[in-house]
Amino acid sequence: MKKPRENGKANLQVGALPLRRTAAGSWEILLVTTRSTKRWTVPKGWPIKNLKAHDAAAREAHEEAGAVGRVKKKAVGRFLYWKRMEAEFRLCKVRLYPLHVTEQLPRWPEEAQRLRHWFSLKDAADLVEEPGLRKVLATLKP
């Protein structure tokens, strides 16, 4: 595998911040594990042709976490990370769109490949490894 190298241009990805309010009034976020390394992260992926960025982020939340809801049209944060590809690493910039979850499906497309779990925003910030995502979660005001 090639070493990561920055060419000055990051590949754009879209990500969802699947959120819900608890009975006590605090906020939780639904995290998923990555397929290869099983690290906790948010649902994210490449832009989808003919879909607006926020709608593509909502689709990622459905496919990766079985989360359905109302997605905001405006990104509330972004972060950079190195995506592990088959033969190299790619620098990616992820734009994050809040998704207020109204339904969590019992079955979803990637359920055999990922775990999903609700966490407080503080716990989620402690669990994710990407520093930029950690900062977004630590300062998020849903």
Protein backbone atom coordinates (compact mmCIF):
# COMPACT_ATOMS: atom_id res chain seq x y z
CA MET A 1 0.00 0.00 0.00
CA LYS A 2 1.32 3.41 -0.94
CA LYS A 3 2.16 5.83 1.83
CA PRO A 4 -0.27 8.71 2.28
CA ARG A 5 0.78 11.84 0.48
CA GLU A 6 -1.00 15.11 0.26
CA ASN A 7 -1.31 16.59 -3.21
CA GLY A 8 -3.12 19.67 -1.97
CA LYS A 9 -6.51 18.44 -3.14
CA ALA A 10 -8.88 16.49 -0.92
CA ASN A 11 -11.62 14.24 -2.30
CA LEU A 12 -15.08 15.41 -1.26
CA GLN A 13 -17.32 13.14 0.80
CA VAL A 14 -20.67 13.74 2.48
CA GLY A 15 -21.55 12.55 5.95
CA ALA A 16 -24.58 12.45 8.20
CA LEU A 17 -24.84 13.33 11.86
CA PRO A 18 -27.77 11.07 12.87
CA LEU A 19 -29.21 12.73 15.99
CA ARG A 20 -32.03 12.12 18.44
CA ARG A 21 -33.17 13.73 21.67
CA THR A 22 -33.47 11.51 24.73
CA ALA A 23 -36.41 11.54 27.14
CA ALA A 24 -34.20 13.55 29.52
CA GLY A 25 -33.68 16.21 26.83
CA SER A 26 -30.04 15.54 25.95
CA TRP A 27 -28.78 14.69 22.45
CA GLU A 28 -27.39 11.40 21.18
CA ILE A 29 -25.66 10.53 17.92
CA LEU A 30 -25.74 7.22 16.06
CA LEU A 31 -22.23 6.05 15.19
CA VAL A 32 -21.26 3.13 12.95
CA THR A 33 -18.10 1.10 12.68
CA THR A 34 -15.93 1.19 9.59
CA ARG A 35 -15.93 -1.97 7.51
CA SER A 36 -12.21 -2.68 7.56
CA THR A 37 -10.83 -1.42 10.88
CA LYS A 38 -14.05 -1.39 12.96
CA ARG A 39 -13.39 2.14 14.27
CA TRP A 40 -16.38 4.28 15.29
CA THR A 41 -17.35 7.04 12.87
CA VAL A 42 -20.37 8.72 11.28
CA PRO A 43 -22.08 7.41 8.14
CA LYS A 44 -20.31 8.94 5.15
CA GLY A 45 -19.47 8.32 1.53
CA TRP A 46 -18.89 9.73 -1.92
CA PRO A 47 -21.33 12.23 -3.47
CA ILE A 48 -24.07 10.54 -5.50
CA LYS A 49 -24.82 11.71 -9.03
CA ASN A 50 -28.16 13.53 -9.34
CA LEU A 51 -28.54 13.86 -5.54
CA LYS A 52 -27.91 17.01 -3.55
CA ALA A 53 -25.15 16.65 -0.96
CA HIS A 54 -27.52 16.60 2.03
CA ASP A 55 -29.72 13.95 0.38
CA ALA A 56 -26.64 11.81 -0.37
CA ALA A 57 -25.64 12.10 3.30
CA ALA A 58 -29.13 10.92 4.32
CA ARG A 59 -28.81 7.96 1.98
CA GLU A 60 -25.47 7.03 3.60
CA ALA A 61 -27.17 7.10 7.02
CA HIS A 62 -29.85 4.75 5.71
CA GLU A 63 -27.40 2.33 4.06
CA GLU A 64 -24.77 2.26 6.82
CA ALA A 65 -26.90 2.69 9.96
CA GLY A 66 -30.55 2.08 9.06
CA ALA A 67 -31.34 5.64 10.17
CA VAL A 68 -34.16 7.58 8.50
CA GLY A 69 -35.25 11.13 9.24
CA ARG A 70 -35.18 14.80 8.30
CA VAL A 71 -31.84 16.01 6.94
CA LYS A 72 -30.78 19.65 7.08
CA LYS A 73 -29.75 21.24 3.79
CA LYS A 74 -26.84 23.16 5.32
CA ALA A 75 -23.63 21.46 6.47
CA VAL A 76 -22.75 22.19 10.10
CA GLY A 77 -19.14 21.09 10.02
CA ARG A 78 -16.42 19.33 8.12
CA PHE A 79 -13.30 17.31 8.78
CA LEU A 80 -10.35 15.81 6.94
CA TYR A 81 -9.23 12.19 7.17
CA TRP A 82 -7.16 9.64 5.29
CA LYS A 83 -9.35 7.01 3.64
CA ARG A 84 -7.79 3.58 3.33
CA MET A 85 -8.19 2.40 -0.27
CA GLU A 86 -7.09 -0.93 -1.71
CA ALA A 87 -3.66 0.29 -2.84
CA GLU A 88 -3.27 3.71 -1.23
CA PHE A 89 -4.65 6.28 1.17
CA ARG A 90 -6.70 9.24 -0.07
CA LEU A 91 -7.17 12.54 1.71
CA CYS A 92 -10.90 13.23 2.05
CA LYS A 93 -12.83 16.27 3.21
CA VAL A 94 -16.22 15.32 4.68
CA ARG A 95 -19.08 17.82 4.85
CA LEU A 96 -21.46 16.93 7.68
CA TYR A 97 -25.24 17.32 7.55
CA PRO A 98 -27.49 16.88 10.63
CA LEU A 99 -30.12 14.17 10.27
CA HIS A 100 -32.87 14.22 12.91
CA VAL A 101 -33.70 10.53 13.11
CA THR A 102 -37.40 9.66 13.13
CA GLU A 103 -37.01 5.93 12.50
CA GLN A 104 -34.33 3.32 13.07
CA LEU A 105 -34.85 0.37 10.76
CA PRO A 106 -34.49 -3.16 12.18
CA ARG A 107 -32.80 -4.25 8.92
CA TRP A 108 -30.60 -2.13 6.65
CA PRO A 109 -28.29 -2.66 3.64
CA GLU A 110 -24.93 -2.78 5.49
CA GLU A 111 -26.05 -4.41 8.76
CA ALA A 112 -23.82 -7.46 8.17
CA GLN A 113 -20.76 -5.22 7.71
CA ARG A 114 -21.12 -2.65 10.50
CA LEU A 115 -22.18 -2.17 14.09
CA ARG A 116 -24.30 0.82 15.10
CA HIS A 117 -24.82 2.36 18.51
CA TRP A 118 -26.26 5.53 20.07
CA PHE A 119 -23.82 7.61 22.15
CA SER A 120 -23.96 10.90 23.99
CA LEU A 121 -22.17 13.63 22.03
CA LYS A 122 -19.42 13.69 24.66
CA ASP A 123 -18.87 9.92 24.53
CA ALA A 124 -18.95 9.97 20.73
CA ALA A 125 -16.29 12.71 20.67
CA ASP A 126 -14.13 10.55 22.94
CA LEU A 127 -14.61 7.42 20.79
CA VAL A 128 -13.90 8.66 17.26
CA GLU A 129 -10.28 8.71 16.15
CA GLU A 130 -10.34 11.43 13.49
CA PRO A 131 -9.32 14.67 15.28
CA GLY A 132 -11.48 16.86 13.03
CA LEU A 133 -14.59 14.75 13.62
CA ARG A 134 -13.84 14.72 17.35
CA LYS A 135 -13.78 18.53 17.34
CA VAL A 136 -17.08 18.78 15.42
CA LEU A 137 -18.81 16.39 17.86
CA ALA A 138 -17.35 18.15 20.93
CA THR A 139 -18.68 21.53 19.80
CA LEU A 140 -21.93 20.46 18.09
CA LYS A 141 -25.07 22.38 19.10
CA PRO A 142 -28.01 20.46 17.51
